[in-house]
Amino acid sequence: MSQNLSYDVLIVGGGHGGAQAAIALRGAGFEGSIAIVGRETEMPYERPPLSKEYLAQERAFERLYIRPAEYWREKAVDLLLGRTVISVDPQDHAVECQDGPRIGYGKLIWAAGGDPRALPLPGADLPGVHAVRDREDVDAIMAELPGVARIVVIGGGYIGLEAAAVFSKLGKQVTLLEALPRVLARVAGEELSGFYEADHRAHGVDLRVNQQIEALEGEGRVSGVRLRSGELLSADLVIVGIGIIPCVEPLIAAGAEGSNGVLVDPQCRTTLPDVFAIGDCAAHANRFADGAVIRLESVQNANDMAQTVAKTICGEETEYAATPWFWSNQYDLKLQTVGLSTGYDQAVLRGDPASRKFSVVYLKGGKVVALDCVNNARDYSHGRKLVELGIAADAEELADAGRQLKEWLAAQAA
């Protein structure tokens, strides 16, 4: 391959955001040259199933590809795989790769996502300690599973809970440790946290909150997790799911504004000329967070930002203003979340959690700002509009699960 590569649009990151940016550009009629630079050697693939169907060996990896190889060839999108971008030269419009040539660009779309946050503790680098971020991570876990009986999962967010559910279904002895007083504490209210804690325990998971870890122990391989209380939990395998660190160092070093992520404007532009950023690593002012600058770690956010950038590059300047939504599958539970519950002042329970079909509606100043819907697609569908319109609703009336949420939409229209 030429050592003087240059593209009209260069995309750094081969995940959902990077793939969708290329797809959206071609869909919008962009005829210039496009390349995706990715650290992995795999074509762009779906990542959410890694901690669910793929880990459970219910879905073959080939079914995770976002597009087949033929698509990228037909659309003239070059896949420069197995390359890590280590620096950006905004004046010369070029990037340097650790293991490849210097690559020029007209526009740069940074979609590098983030790396798993490591435990800052002794023993965190022992064999048998894993994150769940890419195919290599999960393949390594699956290769070890046949000889594993006891698994400790560290972190009570979605990744940790999903992994615990899979391991429990596979018949493993699972302990889940969360440092905060409840699981999902940063993203959901007490009702939802309590429900998932109880459900995991009912499935045999030894779920513990308010847990502080002293070290991971083992000779040549992890064999236990030492708690600050002094208790030693035996472990043949440890999964660490305590968040990500956004991969933005080359942009920040090049002068882009940002800290926890790289700052972008409503068109997803960074402060560097002709450089955009999308997905998990993009810090942006979000109207659903009252304008606060946040990062959203979700597939849909990456896709929506990719659409915004593609339209802007193609001359249809638009603003990112998508409604945040998320999902999680655990056991027979499908959780759908819309909006951002941060800062809510009321949480209204609709339905009986014992029925395994219910919703939690979050209010702020009397207006609906978010919903968590468990096995309740109808509430999710109708509630999405309530969030987007900022509908005011009475808490007592919302609690009546016999009333459909679309009644409030009808009232608004009237």
Protein backbone atom coordinates (compact mmCIF):
# COMPACT_ATOMS: atom_id res chain seq x y z
CA MET A 1 0.00 0.00 0.00
CA SER A 2 1.21 3.54 -0.73
CA GLN A 3 3.10 5.31 2.02
CA ASN A 4 1.44 8.63 1.07
CA LEU A 5 -2.20 7.94 1.71
CA SER A 6 -4.74 10.74 1.71
CA TYR A 7 -8.53 10.79 1.86
CA ASP A 8 -11.24 13.39 1.55
CA VAL A 9 -12.75 11.99 4.76
CA LEU A 10 -10.72 9.96 7.20
CA ILE A 11 -12.60 8.22 10.01
CA VAL A 12 -10.66 7.10 13.08
CA GLY A 13 -12.50 4.28 14.84
CA GLY A 14 -14.16 1.20 13.42
CA GLY A 15 -17.10 0.92 15.81
CA HIS A 16 -20.72 1.94 15.34
CA GLY A 17 -19.99 5.64 15.01
CA GLY A 18 -17.21 5.24 12.49
CA ALA A 19 -19.11 2.74 10.38
CA GLN A 20 -22.29 4.79 10.43
CA ALA A 21 -20.40 7.94 9.43
CA ALA A 22 -19.15 6.21 6.27
CA ILE A 23 -22.58 4.70 5.58
CA ALA A 24 -24.31 8.06 6.07
CA LEU A 25 -21.83 9.89 3.85
CA ARG A 26 -22.38 7.51 0.97
CA GLY A 27 -26.13 7.57 1.62
CA ALA A 28 -26.08 11.36 1.34
CA GLY A 29 -24.34 11.16 -2.02
CA PHE A 30 -20.80 11.99 -0.93
CA GLU A 31 -18.49 10.95 -3.78
CA GLY A 32 -15.10 11.76 -2.28
CA SER A 33 -12.64 9.21 -0.94
CA ILE A 34 -13.34 7.69 2.50
CA ALA A 35 -11.31 5.46 4.78
CA ILE A 36 -11.87 3.99 8.23
CA VAL A 37 -8.79 3.48 10.40
CA GLY A 38 -9.39 0.87 13.12
CA ARG A 39 -7.19 -0.60 15.85
CA GLU A 40 -8.83 -4.00 15.50
CA THR A 41 -8.30 -6.31 12.57
CA GLU A 42 -12.05 -6.95 12.29
CA MET A 43 -14.43 -5.11 10.00
CA PRO A 44 -16.86 -2.83 11.90
CA TYR A 45 -19.18 -4.90 14.08
CA GLU A 46 -21.90 -4.50 16.70
CA ARG A 47 -20.54 -4.25 20.24
CA PRO A 48 -23.61 -4.48 22.53
CA PRO A 49 -24.11 -8.21 21.79
CA LEU A 50 -20.59 -8.92 23.07
CA SER A 51 -21.77 -8.91 26.69
CA LYS A 52 -25.04 -10.67 25.83
CA GLU A 53 -25.67 -13.06 22.92
CA TYR A 54 -22.06 -13.45 21.83
CA LEU A 55 -20.74 -14.12 25.33
CA ALA A 56 -23.60 -16.58 25.84
CA GLN A 57 -22.57 -18.24 22.54
CA GLU A 58 -26.08 -17.71 21.19
CA ARG A 59 -24.96 -15.62 18.23
CA ALA A 60 -22.04 -16.25 15.91
CA PHE A 61 -19.58 -13.42 15.44
CA GLU A 62 -20.23 -13.33 11.69
CA ARG A 63 -23.74 -12.13 12.48
CA LEU A 64 -22.37 -9.07 14.29
CA TYR A 65 -20.83 -7.37 11.27
CA ILE A 66 -22.50 -4.02 10.62
CA ARG A 67 -22.08 -4.53 6.88
CA PRO A 68 -20.55 -7.40 4.87
CA ALA A 69 -17.18 -7.00 3.20
CA GLU A 70 -18.87 -6.56 -0.17
CA TYR A 71 -20.61 -3.41 1.05
CA TRP A 72 -17.37 -1.60 1.89
CA ARG A 73 -15.88 -2.56 -1.47
CA GLU A 74 -18.94 -1.50 -3.42
CA LYS A 75 -19.15 1.82 -1.58
CA ALA A 76 -15.41 2.45 -2.02
CA VAL A 77 -14.72 2.75 1.68
CA ASP A 78 -11.16 1.66 2.47
CA LEU A 79 -10.77 -0.27 5.73
CA LEU A 80 -7.33 0.39 7.18
CA LEU A 81 -7.45 -2.17 9.96
CA GLY A 82 -4.96 -3.07 12.65
CA ARG A 83 -3.69 0.53 12.85
CA THR A 84 -3.55 2.81 15.89
CA VAL A 85 -3.54 6.58 15.39
CA ILE A 86 -1.07 8.12 17.83
CA SER A 87 -1.03 11.78 16.76
CA VAL A 88 -2.93 14.36 14.76
CA ASP A 89 -1.34 17.23 12.83
CA PRO A 90 -4.17 19.74 12.37
CA GLN A 91 -2.05 22.16 10.30
CA ASP A 92 -0.98 19.58 7.73
CA HIS A 93 -4.30 17.72 8.00
CA ALA A 94 -2.67 14.37 8.67
CA VAL A 95 -2.52 11.63 11.29
CA GLU A 96 0.37 9.40 12.31
CA CYS A 97 -0.17 5.70 12.95
CA GLN A 98 1.84 3.62 15.35
CA ASP A 99 1.95 0.78 12.89
CA GLY A 100 1.40 2.33 9.49
CA PRO A 101 1.97 5.32 7.22
CA ARG A 102 1.10 8.98 7.72
CA ILE A 103 -2.41 9.55 6.36
CA GLY A 104 -3.71 12.86 5.07
CA TYR A 105 -7.31 14.04 5.30
CA GLY A 106 -9.63 16.76 4.11
CA LYS A 107 -12.06 16.14 6.98
CA LEU A 108 -11.32 13.99 10.02
CA ILE A 109 -14.07 12.20 11.97
CA TRP A 110 -12.84 10.97 15.35
CA ALA A 111 -14.92 7.98 16.46
CA ALA A 112 -12.36 6.20 18.62
CA GLY A 113 -14.67 5.48 21.57
CA GLY A 114 -12.95 4.58 24.81
CA ASP A 115 -10.82 2.03 26.59
CA PRO A 116 -12.01 0.06 29.62
CA ARG A 117 -11.09 1.72 32.90
CA ALA A 118 -8.64 -0.51 34.75
CA LEU A 119 -8.73 -1.22 38.45
CA PRO A 120 -5.98 0.85 40.12
CA LEU A 121 -5.21 -2.01 42.49
CA PRO A 122 -2.52 -4.63 43.03
CA GLY A 123 -3.16 -7.74 40.93
CA ALA A 124 -5.34 -5.98 38.36
CA ASP A 125 -3.02 -7.16 35.59
CA LEU A 126 -3.06 -10.84 36.54
CA PRO A 127 -4.09 -13.39 33.90
CA GLY A 128 -7.76 -14.21 34.29
CA VAL A 129 -8.75 -10.56 34.78
CA HIS A 130 -10.78 -9.28 31.84
CA ALA A 131 -12.75 -6.35 30.50
CA VAL A 132 -15.64 -6.62 28.04
CA ARG A 133 -14.99 -4.12 25.27
CA ASP A 134 -14.09 -5.89 22.03
CA ARG A 135 -14.10 -9.30 20.38
CA GLU A 136 -10.62 -10.16 21.64
CA ASP A 137 -11.76 -9.56 25.22
CA VAL A 138 -14.79 -11.80 24.92
CA ASP A 139 -12.99 -14.52 22.96
CA ALA A 140 -10.40 -14.69 25.75
CA ILE A 141 -13.16 -15.01 28.36
CA MET A 142 -14.97 -17.74 26.43
CA ALA A 143 -11.73 -19.68 25.96
CA GLU A 144 -11.29 -19.82 29.74
CA LEU A 145 -14.92 -20.51 30.71
CA PRO A 146 -14.79 -24.33 30.47
CA GLY A 147 -12.29 -24.44 33.33
CA VAL A 148 -14.00 -21.76 35.40
CA ALA A 149 -16.48 -22.33 38.23
CA ARG A 150 -16.35 -19.09 40.26
CA ILE A 151 -16.54 -15.64 38.67
CA VAL A 152 -16.35 -12.25 40.35
CA VAL A 153 -17.80 -9.33 38.40
CA ILE A 154 -16.65 -5.87 39.53
CA GLY A 155 -19.07 -3.09 38.65
CA GLY A 156 -22.84 -2.88 38.83
CA GLY A 157 -23.49 -0.96 35.64
CA TYR A 158 -25.05 -2.43 32.51
CA ILE A 159 -21.92 -4.29 31.35
CA GLY A 160 -21.42 -5.92 34.75
CA LEU A 161 -25.07 -6.88 35.15
CA GLU A 162 -25.34 -8.26 31.62
CA ALA A 163 -22.20 -10.32 32.04
CA ALA A 164 -23.40 -11.61 35.42
CA ALA A 165 -26.70 -12.67 33.85
CA VAL A 166 -24.92 -14.62 31.12
CA PHE A 167 -22.54 -16.35 33.54
CA SER A 168 -25.44 -17.25 35.82
CA LYS A 169 -27.33 -18.83 32.90
CA LEU A 170 -24.19 -20.79 32.06
CA GLY A 171 -24.25 -22.31 35.53
CA LYS A 172 -21.30 -20.43 37.00
CA GLN A 173 -21.06 -19.29 40.61
CA VAL A 174 -21.21 -15.50 40.26
CA THR A 175 -20.45 -12.73 42.74
CA LEU A 176 -21.08 -9.13 41.66
CA LEU A 177 -19.45 -6.28 43.59
CA GLU A 178 -20.61 -2.67 43.40
CA ALA A 179 -18.87 0.17 45.27
CA LEU A 180 -21.98 2.38 45.47
CA PRO A 181 -25.04 1.72 47.65
CA ARG A 182 -26.97 0.30 44.69
CA VAL A 183 -26.45 -0.97 41.15
CA LEU A 184 -27.19 1.36 38.23
CA ALA A 185 -26.91 4.24 40.70
CA ARG A 186 -25.64 6.70 38.10
CA VAL A 187 -28.33 6.02 35.51
CA ALA A 188 -31.53 4.94 37.26
CA GLY A 189 -33.67 5.47 40.34
CA GLU A 190 -33.96 3.32 43.42
CA GLU A 191 -37.00 1.38 42.19
CA LEU A 192 -35.20 0.04 39.14
CA SER A 193 -31.97 -0.62 41.05
CA GLY A 194 -33.82 -2.57 43.71
CA PHE A 195 -35.66 -4.64 41.13
CA TYR A 196 -32.49 -5.69 39.30
CA GLU A 197 -30.66 -6.43 42.53
CA ALA A 198 -33.47 -8.71 43.65
CA ASP A 199 -33.73 -10.40 40.26
CA HIS A 200 -30.03 -11.18 40.06
CA ARG A 201 -30.09 -12.59 43.58
CA ALA A 202 -33.10 -14.71 42.64
CA HIS A 203 -30.98 -16.14 39.81
CA GLY A 204 -28.27 -17.11 42.25
CA VAL A 205 -25.92 -14.15 41.89
CA ASP A 206 -24.24 -13.11 45.13
CA LEU A 207 -24.76 -9.39 44.56
CA ARG A 208 -23.10 -7.08 47.06
CA VAL A 209 -23.22 -3.28 47.21
CA ASN A 210 -21.10 -0.84 49.24
CA GLN A 211 -18.07 -3.02 48.53
CA GLN A 212 -14.49 -1.75 48.55
CA ILE A 213 -11.75 -3.90 47.03
CA GLU A 214 -8.26 -4.04 48.44
CA ALA A 215 -6.50 -6.17 45.82
CA LEU A 216 -6.74 -9.03 43.37
CA GLU A 217 -4.66 -12.00 44.44
CA GLY A 218 -3.10 -15.00 42.77
CA GLU A 219 0.12 -16.76 41.84
CA GLY A 220 0.52 -16.62 38.08
CA ARG A 221 -3.25 -16.21 37.66
CA VAL A 222 -6.03 -14.52 39.58
CA SER A 223 -7.46 -16.75 42.31
CA GLY A 224 -9.27 -14.31 44.57
CA VAL A 225 -10.56 -10.81 45.28
CA ARG A 226 -9.56 -9.34 48.63
CA LEU A 227 -12.14 -6.94 50.06
CA ARG A 228 -11.19 -4.05 52.29
CA SER A 229 -13.06 -5.83 55.08
CA GLY A 230 -10.41 -8.56 54.87
CA GLU A 231 -12.68 -11.16 53.27
CA LEU A 232 -11.16 -13.11 50.38
CA LEU A 233 -13.55 -14.12 47.59
CA SER A 234 -12.34 -17.09 45.56
CA ALA A 235 -12.33 -16.40 41.83
CA ASP A 236 -11.27 -18.38 38.78
CA LEU A 237 -12.13 -15.41 36.57
CA VAL A 238 -12.66 -11.68 37.23
CA ILE A 239 -14.59 -9.30 35.00
CA VAL A 240 -14.00 -5.56 35.45
CA GLY A 241 -16.76 -3.28 34.22
CA ILE A 242 -16.19 0.12 35.84
CA GLY A 243 -16.58 2.43 32.86
CA ILE A 244 -14.38 3.69 30.07
CA ILE A 245 -11.72 6.33 29.51
CA PRO A 246 -12.44 8.20 26.26
CA CYS A 247 -9.72 7.79 23.63
CA VAL A 248 -9.00 11.43 22.84
CA GLU A 249 -5.33 11.89 23.78
CA PRO A 250 -4.11 12.61 20.21
CA LEU A 251 -6.79 15.28 19.76
CA ILE A 252 -6.10 16.95 23.11
CA ALA A 253 -2.36 16.86 22.41
CA ALA A 254 -3.06 18.56 19.07
CA GLY A 255 -4.84 21.41 20.86
CA ALA A 256 -8.49 20.32 20.88
CA GLU A 257 -10.52 21.52 23.84
CA GLY A 258 -11.70 18.85 26.25
CA SER A 259 -10.94 16.79 29.33
CA ASN A 260 -13.42 13.99 29.94
CA GLY A 261 -13.83 13.53 26.21
CA VAL A 262 -13.28 16.07 23.46
CA LEU A 263 -15.62 19.06 23.30
CA VAL A 264 -17.80 19.36 20.20
CA ASP A 265 -20.30 21.96 18.98
CA PRO A 266 -23.86 21.25 17.75
CA GLN A 267 -22.47 20.00 14.42
CA CYS A 268 -20.03 17.74 16.31
CA ARG A 269 -17.03 19.87 15.32
CA THR A 270 -14.08 19.94 17.68
CA THR A 271 -12.08 23.14 18.15
CA LEU A 272 -9.55 21.84 15.59
CA PRO A 273 -10.19 22.85 11.94
CA ASP A 274 -12.00 20.21 9.86
CA VAL A 275 -12.01 17.73 12.77
CA PHE A 276 -15.26 16.23 14.07
CA ALA A 277 -15.82 13.83 16.97
CA ILE A 278 -18.74 11.48 17.58
CA GLY A 279 -19.91 8.77 19.95
CA ASP A 280 -18.63 7.80 23.39
CA CYS A 281 -15.68 10.23 23.27
CA ALA A 282 -17.64 13.36 22.25
CA ALA A 283 -18.53 15.77 25.06
CA HIS A 284 -21.45 17.94 24.02
CA ALA A 285 -24.09 20.27 25.45
CA ASN A 286 -27.24 18.14 25.63
CA ARG A 287 -30.68 19.69 25.84
CA PHE A 288 -32.01 16.66 27.70
CA ALA A 289 -29.46 17.40 30.43
CA ASP A 290 -30.53 21.06 30.66
CA GLY A 291 -27.64 22.03 28.42
CA ALA A 292 -24.95 20.42 30.59
CA VAL A 293 -21.87 19.11 28.76
CA ILE A 294 -21.96 15.32 28.89
CA ARG A 295 -20.85 12.20 27.06
CA LEU A 296 -23.40 9.57 26.07
CA GLU A 297 -22.16 6.01 25.82
CA SER A 298 -24.70 4.39 23.54
CA VAL A 299 -24.94 2.99 20.04
CA GLN A 300 -27.77 5.31 19.12
CA ASN A 301 -25.85 8.39 20.19
CA ALA A 302 -22.94 7.33 17.99
CA ASN A 303 -25.26 6.74 15.05
CA ASP A 304 -27.12 10.03 15.51
CA MET A 305 -23.90 12.02 15.74
CA ALA A 306 -22.60 10.26 12.63
CA GLN A 307 -25.70 11.36 10.73
CA THR A 308 -25.19 14.94 11.89
CA VAL A 309 -21.58 15.01 10.71
CA ALA A 310 -22.39 13.37 7.36
CA LYS A 311 -25.08 15.95 6.63
CA THR A 312 -22.78 18.81 7.64
CA ILE A 313 -19.94 17.58 5.41
CA CYS A 314 -22.40 17.23 2.54
CA GLY A 315 -23.52 20.85 2.93
CA GLU A 316 -26.72 20.31 4.89
CA GLU A 317 -25.61 21.82 8.16
CA THR A 318 -27.75 20.45 10.95
CA GLU A 319 -27.56 20.26 14.73
CA TYR A 320 -27.31 17.17 16.88
CA ALA A 321 -30.44 17.13 19.03
CA ALA A 322 -31.37 13.44 19.17
CA THR A 323 -33.38 11.94 22.01
CA PRO A 324 -31.14 9.73 24.19
CA TRP A 325 -32.24 6.12 24.45
CA PHE A 326 -30.63 2.94 25.68
CA TRP A 327 -31.43 -0.72 26.20
CA SER A 328 -30.23 -3.72 28.18
CA ASN A 329 -31.11 -7.42 28.06
CA GLN A 330 -30.73 -9.50 31.24
CA TYR A 331 -32.39 -12.91 31.70
CA ASP A 332 -35.92 -12.49 30.33
CA LEU A 333 -35.90 -8.75 31.00
CA LYS A 334 -35.72 -6.17 28.22
CA LEU A 335 -35.04 -2.73 29.63
CA GLN A 336 -35.67 0.27 27.38
CA THR A 337 -34.70 3.72 28.62
CA VAL A 338 -35.50 7.06 27.03
CA GLY A 339 -34.34 10.47 28.21
CA LEU A 340 -31.91 11.29 31.01
CA SER A 341 -33.08 10.90 34.60
CA THR A 342 -30.17 12.87 36.07
CA GLY A 343 -31.48 15.46 38.50
CA TYR A 344 -35.04 14.10 38.67
CA ASP A 345 -37.11 15.07 41.72
CA GLN A 346 -39.86 12.43 41.46
CA ALA A 347 -39.89 8.81 40.33
CA VAL A 348 -43.30 7.29 39.58
CA LEU A 349 -43.76 3.52 39.44
CA ARG A 350 -46.25 2.26 36.84
CA GLY A 351 -47.23 -1.38 37.23
CA ASP A 352 -46.11 -4.14 39.55
CA PRO A 353 -42.45 -5.20 39.33
CA ALA A 354 -43.52 -8.68 40.50
CA SER A 355 -45.28 -9.06 37.13
CA ARG A 356 -41.94 -8.40 35.39
CA LYS A 357 -43.63 -5.71 33.31
CA PHE A 358 -43.52 -2.16 34.64
CA SER A 359 -42.11 1.32 34.08
CA VAL A 360 -40.55 4.08 36.13
CA VAL A 361 -41.34 7.62 35.00
CA TYR A 362 -38.96 10.37 36.11
CA LEU A 363 -40.22 13.90 36.65
CA LYS A 364 -38.34 17.13 37.09
CA GLY A 365 -40.31 20.23 37.97
CA GLY A 366 -43.49 18.31 37.15
CA LYS A 367 -42.34 17.45 33.61
CA VAL A 368 -41.50 13.99 32.26
CA VAL A 369 -37.73 13.80 31.63
CA ALA A 370 -37.09 10.06 31.34
CA LEU A 371 -38.57 6.57 31.55
CA ASP A 372 -37.18 3.14 32.37
CA CYS A 373 -39.46 0.50 30.85
CA VAL A 374 -39.03 -3.19 31.72
CA ASN A 375 -40.77 -5.53 29.25
CA ASN A 376 -43.08 -2.62 28.49
CA ALA A 377 -42.63 -1.53 24.89
CA ARG A 378 -45.92 0.38 24.84
CA ASP A 379 -44.92 2.69 27.69
CA TYR A 380 -41.55 3.19 26.05
CA SER A 381 -43.11 4.12 22.70
CA HIS A 382 -45.61 6.58 24.16
CA GLY A 383 -43.26 7.83 26.86
CA ARG A 384 -40.63 8.81 24.31
CA LYS A 385 -42.95 11.56 23.04
CA LEU A 386 -43.65 12.73 26.58
CA VAL A 387 -39.91 13.19 27.10
CA GLU A 388 -39.32 14.91 23.77
CA LEU A 389 -42.16 17.36 24.36
CA GLY A 390 -41.42 17.89 28.07
CA ILE A 391 -45.02 17.08 28.99
CA ALA A 392 -46.18 18.03 32.46
CA ALA A 393 -48.02 15.23 34.26
CA ASP A 394 -49.47 14.54 37.69
CA ALA A 395 -47.53 11.87 39.57
CA GLU A 396 -50.60 10.17 41.02
CA GLU A 397 -52.24 9.93 37.63
CA LEU A 398 -49.07 8.59 36.02
CA ALA A 399 -48.96 5.84 38.64
CA ASP A 400 -52.20 4.39 37.24
CA ALA A 401 -50.81 1.74 34.89
CA GLY A 402 -54.32 1.25 33.49
CA ARG A 403 -54.05 4.62 31.79
CA GLN A 404 -51.98 4.66 28.64
CA LEU A 405 -49.33 7.33 28.42
CA LYS A 406 -50.68 8.41 25.06
CA GLU A 407 -53.56 10.04 26.95
CA TRP A 408 -51.18 12.80 27.96
CA LEU A 409 -50.16 13.22 24.34
CA ALA A 410 -53.78 13.56 23.33
CA ALA A 411 -54.32 16.14 26.05
CA GLN A 412 -51.29 18.08 24.83
CA ALA A 413 -52.59 18.05 21.26
CA ALA A 414 -55.99 19.27 22.44
